Amino acid sequence: LAPHEAAWLASLLRQPDVQLARWRDTAA
């Protein structure tokens, strides 16, 4: 993983399903 990819995965730990749904919908 690149550093930004690892940081993105770490951000999922807060609310993984909510964050993934947002990512799928908006790519943000």
PDB file of all heavy atoms in Angstrom:
ATOM      1  N   LEU A   1       0.816  -1.207   0.000  1.00  0.00           N
ATOM      2  CA  LEU A   1       0.000   0.000   0.000  1.00  0.00           C
ATOM      3  C   LEU A   1       0.851   1.259   0.000  1.00  0.00           C
ATOM      4  O   LEU A   1       1.874   1.340   0.673  1.00  0.00           O
ATOM      5  CB  LEU A   1      -0.917   0.037   1.226  1.00  0.00           C
ATOM      6  CG  LEU A   1      -2.008  -1.019   1.314  1.00  0.00           C
ATOM      7  CD1 LEU A   1      -2.770  -0.865   2.617  1.00  0.00           C
ATOM      8  CD2 LEU A   1      -2.938  -0.952   0.118  1.00  0.00           C
ATOM      9  N   ALA A   2       0.372   2.247  -0.721  1.00  0.00           N
ATOM     10  CA  ALA A   2       0.967   3.579  -0.645  1.00  0.00           C
ATOM     11  C   ALA A   2       0.474   4.219   0.658  1.00  0.00           C
ATOM     12  O   ALA A   2      -0.559   3.821   1.199  1.00  0.00           O
ATOM     13  CB  ALA A   2       0.524   4.410  -1.841  1.00  0.00           C
ATOM     14  N   PRO A   3       1.181   5.210   1.166  1.00  0.00           N
ATOM     15  CA  PRO A   3       0.745   5.847   2.412  1.00  0.00           C
ATOM     16  C   PRO A   3      -0.695   6.355   2.379  1.00  0.00           C
ATOM     17  O   PRO A   3      -1.434   6.189   3.348  1.00  0.00           O
ATOM     18  CB  PRO A   3       1.743   6.997   2.598  1.00  0.00           C
ATOM     19  CG  PRO A   3       2.984   6.504   1.916  1.00  0.00           C
ATOM     20  CD  PRO A   3       2.481   5.726   0.726  1.00  0.00           C
ATOM     21  N   HIS A   4      -1.125   6.951   1.274  1.00  0.00           N
ATOM     22  CA  HIS A   4      -2.502   7.460   1.209  1.00  0.00           C
ATOM     23  C   HIS A   4      -3.518   6.318   1.199  1.00  0.00           C
ATOM     24  O   HIS A   4      -4.615   6.467   1.726  1.00  0.00           O
ATOM     25  CB  HIS A   4      -2.690   8.388   0.002  1.00  0.00           C
ATOM     26  CG  HIS A   4      -2.709   7.701  -1.318  1.00  0.00           C
ATOM     27  ND1 HIS A   4      -1.561   7.342  -1.986  1.00  0.00           N
ATOM     28  CD2 HIS A   4      -3.751   7.288  -2.092  1.00  0.00           C
ATOM     29  CE1 HIS A   4      -1.894   6.748  -3.118  1.00  0.00           C
ATOM     30  NE2 HIS A   4      -3.214   6.697  -3.206  1.00  0.00           N
ATOM     31  N   GLU A   5      -3.165   5.169   0.654  1.00  0.00           N
ATOM     32  CA  GLU A   5      -4.062   4.017   0.675  1.00  0.00           C
ATOM     33  C   GLU A   5      -4.190   3.459   2.095  1.00  0.00           C
ATOM     34  O   GLU A   5      -5.284   3.117   2.542  1.00  0.00           O
ATOM     35  CB  GLU A   5      -3.569   2.936  -0.273  1.00  0.00           C
ATOM     36  CG  GLU A   5      -3.633   3.348  -1.725  1.00  0.00           C
ATOM     37  CD  GLU A   5      -2.925   2.395  -2.657  1.00  0.00           C
ATOM     38  OE1 GLU A   5      -1.862   1.843  -2.283  1.00  0.00           O
ATOM     39  OE2 GLU A   5      -3.428   2.197  -3.772  1.00  0.00           O
ATOM     40  N   ALA A   6      -3.076   3.379   2.801  1.00  0.00           N
ATOM     41  CA  ALA A   6      -3.108   2.910   4.189  1.00  0.00           C
ATOM     42  C   ALA A   6      -3.916   3.862   5.064  1.00  0.00           C
ATOM     43  O   ALA A   6      -4.692   3.422   5.921  1.00  0.00           O
ATOM     44  CB  ALA A   6      -1.675   2.775   4.722  1.00  0.00           C
ATOM     45  N   ALA A   7      -3.773   5.158   4.824  1.00  0.00           N
ATOM     46  CA  ALA A   7      -4.545   6.146   5.586  1.00  0.00           C
ATOM     47  C   ALA A   7      -6.031   5.992   5.296  1.00  0.00           C
ATOM     48  O   ALA A   7      -6.863   6.098   6.200  1.00  0.00           O
ATOM     49  CB  ALA A   7      -4.071   7.562   5.252  1.00  0.00           C
ATOM     50  N   TRP A   8      -6.389   5.745   4.041  1.00  0.00           N
ATOM     51  CA  TRP A   8      -7.793   5.546   3.697  1.00  0.00           C
ATOM     52  C   TRP A   8      -8.359   4.323   4.411  1.00  0.00           C
ATOM     53  O   TRP A   8      -9.434   4.384   4.987  1.00  0.00           O
ATOM     54  CB  TRP A   8      -7.965   5.409   2.181  1.00  0.00           C
ATOM     55  CG  TRP A   8      -9.383   5.185   1.802  1.00  0.00           C
ATOM     56  CD1 TRP A   8     -10.381   6.112   1.804  1.00  0.00           C
ATOM     57  CD2 TRP A   8      -9.983   3.956   1.418  1.00  0.00           C
ATOM     58  NE1 TRP A   8     -11.571   5.527   1.423  1.00  0.00           N
ATOM     59  CE2 TRP A   8     -11.347   4.208   1.176  1.00  0.00           C
ATOM     60  CE3 TRP A   8      -9.500   2.666   1.227  1.00  0.00           C
ATOM     61  CZ2 TRP A   8     -12.232   3.218   0.766  1.00  0.00           C
ATOM     62  CZ3 TRP A   8     -10.382   1.679   0.817  1.00  0.00           C
ATOM     63  CH2 TRP A   8     -11.729   1.967   0.595  1.00  0.00           C
ATOM     64  N   LEU A   9      -7.612   3.219   4.407  1.00  0.00           N
ATOM     65  CA  LEU A   9      -8.078   2.036   5.134  1.00  0.00           C
ATOM     66  C   LEU A   9      -8.250   2.342   6.615  1.00  0.00           C
ATOM     67  O   LEU A   9      -9.222   1.922   7.231  1.00  0.00           O
ATOM     68  CB  LEU A   9      -7.115   0.862   4.952  1.00  0.00           C
ATOM     69  CG  LEU A   9      -7.248   0.064   3.673  1.00  0.00           C
ATOM     70  CD1 LEU A   9      -6.230  -1.072   3.662  1.00  0.00           C
ATOM     71  CD2 LEU A   9      -8.644  -0.480   3.473  1.00  0.00           C
ATOM     72  N   ALA A  10      -7.311   3.059   7.188  1.00  0.00           N
ATOM     73  CA  ALA A  10      -7.413   3.405   8.606  1.00  0.00           C
ATOM     74  C   ALA A  10      -8.659   4.248   8.868  1.00  0.00           C
ATOM     75  O   ALA A  10      -9.313   4.090   9.905  1.00  0.00           O
ATOM     76  CB  ALA A  10      -6.158   4.156   9.056  1.00  0.00           C
ATOM     77  N   SER A  11      -9.033   5.101   7.917  1.00  0.00           N
ATOM     78  CA  SER A  11     -10.223   5.927   8.109  1.00  0.00           C
ATOM     79  C   SER A  11     -11.496   5.094   8.141  1.00  0.00           C
ATOM     80  O   SER A  11     -12.497   5.513   8.704  1.00  0.00           O
ATOM     81  CB  SER A  11     -10.328   6.992   7.011  1.00  0.00           C
ATOM     82  OG  SER A  11     -10.795   6.434   5.791  1.00  0.00           O
ATOM     83  N   LEU A  12     -11.478   3.925   7.562  1.00  0.00           N
ATOM     84  CA  LEU A  12     -12.654   3.057   7.566  1.00  0.00           C
ATOM     85  C   LEU A  12     -12.953   2.490   8.947  1.00  0.00           C
ATOM     86  O   LEU A  12     -14.085   2.090   9.214  1.00  0.00           O
ATOM     87  CB  LEU A  12     -12.465   1.885   6.594  1.00  0.00           C
ATOM     88  CG  LEU A  12     -12.378   2.214   5.118  1.00  0.00           C
ATOM     89  CD1 LEU A  12     -12.173   0.928   4.318  1.00  0.00           C
ATOM     90  CD2 LEU A  12     -13.597   2.958   4.641  1.00  0.00           C
ATOM     91  N   LEU A  13     -11.975   2.447   9.805  1.00  0.00           N
ATOM     92  CA  LEU A  13     -12.169   1.835  11.128  1.00  0.00           C
ATOM     93  C   LEU A  13     -13.219   2.555  11.962  1.00  0.00           C
ATOM     94  O   LEU A  13     -13.840   1.951  12.819  1.00  0.00           O
ATOM     95  CB  LEU A  13     -10.847   1.775  11.892  1.00  0.00           C
ATOM     96  CG  LEU A  13      -9.859   0.748  11.360  1.00  0.00           C
ATOM     97  CD1 LEU A  13      -8.517   0.923  12.039  1.00  0.00           C
ATOM     98  CD2 LEU A  13     -10.396  -0.655  11.545  1.00  0.00           C
ATOM     99  N   ARG A  14     -13.425   3.818  11.715  1.00  0.00           N
ATOM    100  CA  ARG A  14     -14.393   4.590  12.505  1.00  0.00           C
ATOM    101  C   ARG A  14     -15.813   4.053  12.304  1.00  0.00           C
ATOM    102  O   ARG A  14     -16.519   3.804  13.263  1.00  0.00           O
ATOM    103  CB  ARG A  14     -14.300   6.063  12.152  1.00  0.00           C
ATOM    104  CG  ARG A  14     -15.177   6.922  13.028  1.00  0.00           C
ATOM    105  CD  ARG A  14     -14.961   8.376  12.795  1.00  0.00           C
ATOM    106  NE  ARG A  14     -15.196   8.686  11.391  1.00  0.00           N
ATOM    107  CZ  ARG A  14     -14.895   9.830  10.816  1.00  0.00           C
ATOM    108  NH1 ARG A  14     -14.327  10.767  11.514  1.00  0.00           N
ATOM    109  NH2 ARG A  14     -15.151  10.045   9.558  1.00  0.00           N
ATOM    110  N   GLN A  15     -16.249   3.923  11.094  1.00  0.00           N
ATOM    111  CA  GLN A  15     -17.581   3.393  10.750  1.00  0.00           C
ATOM    112  C   GLN A  15     -17.453   2.728   9.380  1.00  0.00           C
ATOM    113  O   GLN A  15     -17.837   3.321   8.370  1.00  0.00           O
ATOM    114  CB  GLN A  15     -18.629   4.497  10.675  1.00  0.00           C
ATOM    115  CG  GLN A  15     -18.931   5.161  11.987  1.00  0.00           C
ATOM    116  CD  GLN A  15     -19.930   6.285  11.792  1.00  0.00           C
ATOM    117  OE1 GLN A  15     -19.793   7.100  10.879  1.00  0.00           O
ATOM    118  NE2 GLN A  15     -20.929   6.323  12.632  1.00  0.00           N
ATOM    119  N   PRO A  16     -16.921   1.526   9.328  1.00  0.00           N
ATOM    120  CA  PRO A  16     -16.575   0.949   8.026  1.00  0.00           C
ATOM    121  C   PRO A  16     -17.728   0.867   7.033  1.00  0.00           C
ATOM    122  O   PRO A  16     -17.568   1.255   5.878  1.00  0.00           O
ATOM    123  CB  PRO A  16     -16.025  -0.433   8.362  1.00  0.00           C
ATOM    124  CG  PRO A  16     -16.282  -0.664   9.790  1.00  0.00           C
ATOM    125  CD  PRO A  16     -16.606   0.644  10.426  1.00  0.00           C
ATOM    126  N   ASP A  17     -18.879   0.403   7.435  1.00  0.00           N
ATOM    127  CA  ASP A  17     -19.971   0.255   6.475  1.00  0.00           C
ATOM    128  C   ASP A  17     -20.479   1.604   5.972  1.00  0.00           C
ATOM    129  O   ASP A  17     -20.786   1.760   4.787  1.00  0.00           O
ATOM    130  CB  ASP A  17     -21.106  -0.583   7.066  1.00  0.00           C
ATOM    131  CG  ASP A  17     -20.687  -2.031   7.270  1.00  0.00           C
ATOM    132  OD1 ASP A  17     -19.976  -2.568   6.392  1.00  0.00           O
ATOM    133  OD2 ASP A  17     -21.051  -2.616   8.298  1.00  0.00           O
ATOM    134  N   VAL A  18     -20.544   2.591   6.854  1.00  0.00           N
ATOM    135  CA  VAL A  18     -20.981   3.935   6.460  1.00  0.00           C
ATOM    136  C   VAL A  18     -19.954   4.554   5.511  1.00  0.00           C
ATOM    137  O   VAL A  18     -20.304   5.122   4.467  1.00  0.00           O
ATOM    138  CB  VAL A  18     -21.191   4.834   7.702  1.00  0.00           C
ATOM    139  CG1 VAL A  18     -21.433   6.280   7.310  1.00  0.00           C
ATOM    140  CG2 VAL A  18     -22.322   4.298   8.548  1.00  0.00           C
ATOM    141  N   GLN A  19     -18.688   4.456   5.865  1.00  0.00           N
ATOM    142  CA  GLN A  19     -17.631   5.033   5.031  1.00  0.00           C
ATOM    143  C   GLN A  19     -17.569   4.362   3.656  1.00  0.00           C
ATOM    144  O   GLN A  19     -17.400   5.031   2.637  1.00  0.00           O
ATOM    145  CB  GLN A  19     -16.273   4.914   5.729  1.00  0.00           C
ATOM    146  CG  GLN A  19     -16.162   5.655   7.028  1.00  0.00           C
ATOM    147  CD  GLN A  19     -16.240   7.156   6.852  1.00  0.00           C
ATOM    148  OE1 GLN A  19     -16.030   7.692   5.765  1.00  0.00           O
ATOM    149  NE2 GLN A  19     -16.563   7.865   7.915  1.00  0.00           N
ATOM    150  N   LEU A  20     -17.721   3.047   3.628  1.00  0.00           N
ATOM    151  CA  LEU A  20     -17.686   2.335   2.349  1.00  0.00           C
ATOM    152  C   LEU A  20     -18.884   2.691   1.470  1.00  0.00           C
ATOM    153  O   LEU A  20     -18.743   2.828   0.255  1.00  0.00           O
ATOM    154  CB  LEU A  20     -17.617   0.828   2.575  1.00  0.00           C
ATOM    155  CG  LEU A  20     -16.255   0.320   3.049  1.00  0.00           C
ATOM    156  CD1 LEU A  20     -16.371  -1.101   3.557  1.00  0.00           C
ATOM    157  CD2 LEU A  20     -15.229   0.427   1.933  1.00  0.00           C
ATOM    158  N   ALA A  21     -20.045   2.855   2.066  1.00  0.00           N
ATOM    159  CA  ALA A  21     -21.222   3.252   1.295  1.00  0.00           C
ATOM    160  C   ALA A  21     -20.997   4.628   0.674  1.00  0.00           C
ATOM    161  O   ALA A  21     -21.314   4.857  -0.498  1.00  0.00           O
ATOM    162  CB  ALA A  21     -22.463   3.264   2.186  1.00  0.00           C
ATOM    163  N   ARG A  22     -20.430   5.538   1.447  1.00  0.00           N
ATOM    164  CA  ARG A  22     -20.146   6.878   0.922  1.00  0.00           C
ATOM    165  C   ARG A  22     -19.137   6.802  -0.209  1.00  0.00           C
ATOM    166  O   ARG A  22     -19.284   7.447  -1.240  1.00  0.00           O
ATOM    167  CB  ARG A  22     -19.621   7.785   2.039  1.00  0.00           C
ATOM    168  CG  ARG A  22     -19.351   9.191   1.579  1.00  0.00           C
ATOM    169  CD  ARG A  22     -19.028  10.105   2.765  1.00  0.00           C
ATOM    170  NE  ARG A  22     -18.972  11.474   2.344  1.00  0.00           N
ATOM    171  CZ  ARG A  22     -17.849  12.088   1.986  1.00  0.00           C
ATOM    172  NH1 ARG A  22     -16.701  11.461   2.020  1.00  0.00           N
ATOM    173  NH2 ARG A  22     -17.864  13.345   1.598  1.00  0.00           N
ATOM    174  N   TRP A  23     -18.096   5.998  -0.035  1.00  0.00           N
ATOM    175  CA  TRP A  23     -17.074   5.837  -1.053  1.00  0.00           C
ATOM    176  C   TRP A  23     -17.668   5.263  -2.333  1.00  0.00           C
ATOM    177  O   TRP A  23     -17.382   5.719  -3.417  1.00  0.00           O
ATOM    178  CB  TRP A  23     -15.958   4.948  -0.503  1.00  0.00           C
ATOM    179  CG  TRP A  23     -14.915   4.557  -1.504  1.00  0.00           C
ATOM    180  CD1 TRP A  23     -14.054   5.381  -2.159  1.00  0.00           C
ATOM    181  CD2 TRP A  23     -14.623   3.235  -1.930  1.00  0.00           C
ATOM    182  NE1 TRP A  23     -13.241   4.643  -2.976  1.00  0.00           N
ATOM    183  CE2 TRP A  23     -13.571   3.321  -2.850  1.00  0.00           C
ATOM    184  CE3 TRP A  23     -15.151   1.985  -1.623  1.00  0.00           C
ATOM    185  CZ2 TRP A  23     -13.030   2.205  -3.469  1.00  0.00           C
ATOM    186  CZ3 TRP A  23     -14.610   0.878  -2.233  1.00  0.00           C
ATOM    187  CH2 TRP A  23     -13.566   0.992  -3.157  1.00  0.00           C
ATOM    188  N   ARG A  24     -18.528   4.262  -2.204  1.00  0.00           N
ATOM    189  CA  ARG A  24     -19.165   3.659  -3.378  1.00  0.00           C
ATOM    190  C   ARG A  24     -20.046   4.678  -4.110  1.00  0.00           C
ATOM    191  O   ARG A  24     -20.098   4.698  -5.330  1.00  0.00           O
ATOM    192  CB  ARG A  24     -20.009   2.457  -2.961  1.00  0.00           C
ATOM    193  CG  ARG A  24     -19.200   1.232  -2.699  1.00  0.00           C
ATOM    194  CD  ARG A  24     -20.130   0.035  -2.476  1.00  0.00           C
ATOM    195  NE  ARG A  24     -19.491  -0.959  -1.658  1.00  0.00           N
ATOM    196  CZ  ARG A  24     -19.759  -1.219  -0.376  1.00  0.00           C
ATOM    197  NH1 ARG A  24     -20.726  -0.580   0.232  1.00  0.00           N
ATOM    198  NH2 ARG A  24     -19.098  -2.126   0.269  1.00  0.00           N
ATOM    199  N   ASP A  25     -20.742   5.511  -3.344  1.00  0.00           N
ATOM    200  CA  ASP A  25     -21.674   6.476  -3.946  1.00  0.00           C
ATOM    201  C   ASP A  25     -20.984   7.695  -4.554  1.00  0.00           C
ATOM    202  O   ASP A  25     -21.430   8.217  -5.564  1.00  0.00           O
ATOM    203  CB  ASP A  25     -22.699   6.950  -2.910  1.00  0.00           C
ATOM    204  CG  ASP A  25     -23.657   5.855  -2.479  1.00  0.00           C
ATOM    205  OD1 ASP A  25     -23.760   4.828  -3.182  1.00  0.00           O
ATOM    206  OD2 ASP A  25     -24.294   6.031  -1.428  1.00  0.00           O
ATOM    207  N   THR A  26     -19.939   8.163  -3.897  1.00  0.00           N
ATOM    208  CA  THR A  26     -19.335   9.435  -4.305  1.00  0.00           C
ATOM    209  C   THR A  26     -17.860   9.359  -4.675  1.00  0.00           C
ATOM    210  O   THR A  26     -17.312  10.345  -5.154  1.00  0.00           O
ATOM    211  CB  THR A  26     -19.471  10.472  -3.172  1.00  0.00           C
ATOM    212  OG1 THR A  26     -18.663  10.040  -2.064  1.00  0.00           O
ATOM    213  CG2 THR A  26     -20.911  10.662  -2.738  1.00  0.00           C
ATOM    214  N   ALA A  27     -17.227   8.245  -4.396  1.00  0.00           N
ATOM    215  CA  ALA A  27     -15.776   8.087  -4.584  1.00  0.00           C
ATOM    216  C   ALA A  27     -15.002   9.068  -3.719  1.00  0.00           C
ATOM    217  O   ALA A  27     -13.849   9.368  -3.982  1.00  0.00           O
ATOM    218  CB  ALA A  27     -15.377   8.207  -6.042  1.00  0.00           C
ATOM    219  N   ALA A  28     -15.640   9.583  -2.664  1.00  0.00           N
ATOM    220  CA  ALA A  28     -15.002  10.543  -1.764  1.00  0.00           C
ATOM    221  C   ALA A  28     -14.680   9.879  -0.429  1.00  0.00           C
ATOM    222  O   ALA A  28     -15.362   8.970  -0.017  1.00  0.00           O
ATOM    223  CB  ALA A  28     -15.906  11.744  -1.532  1.00  0.00           C
TER     224      ALA A  28
END
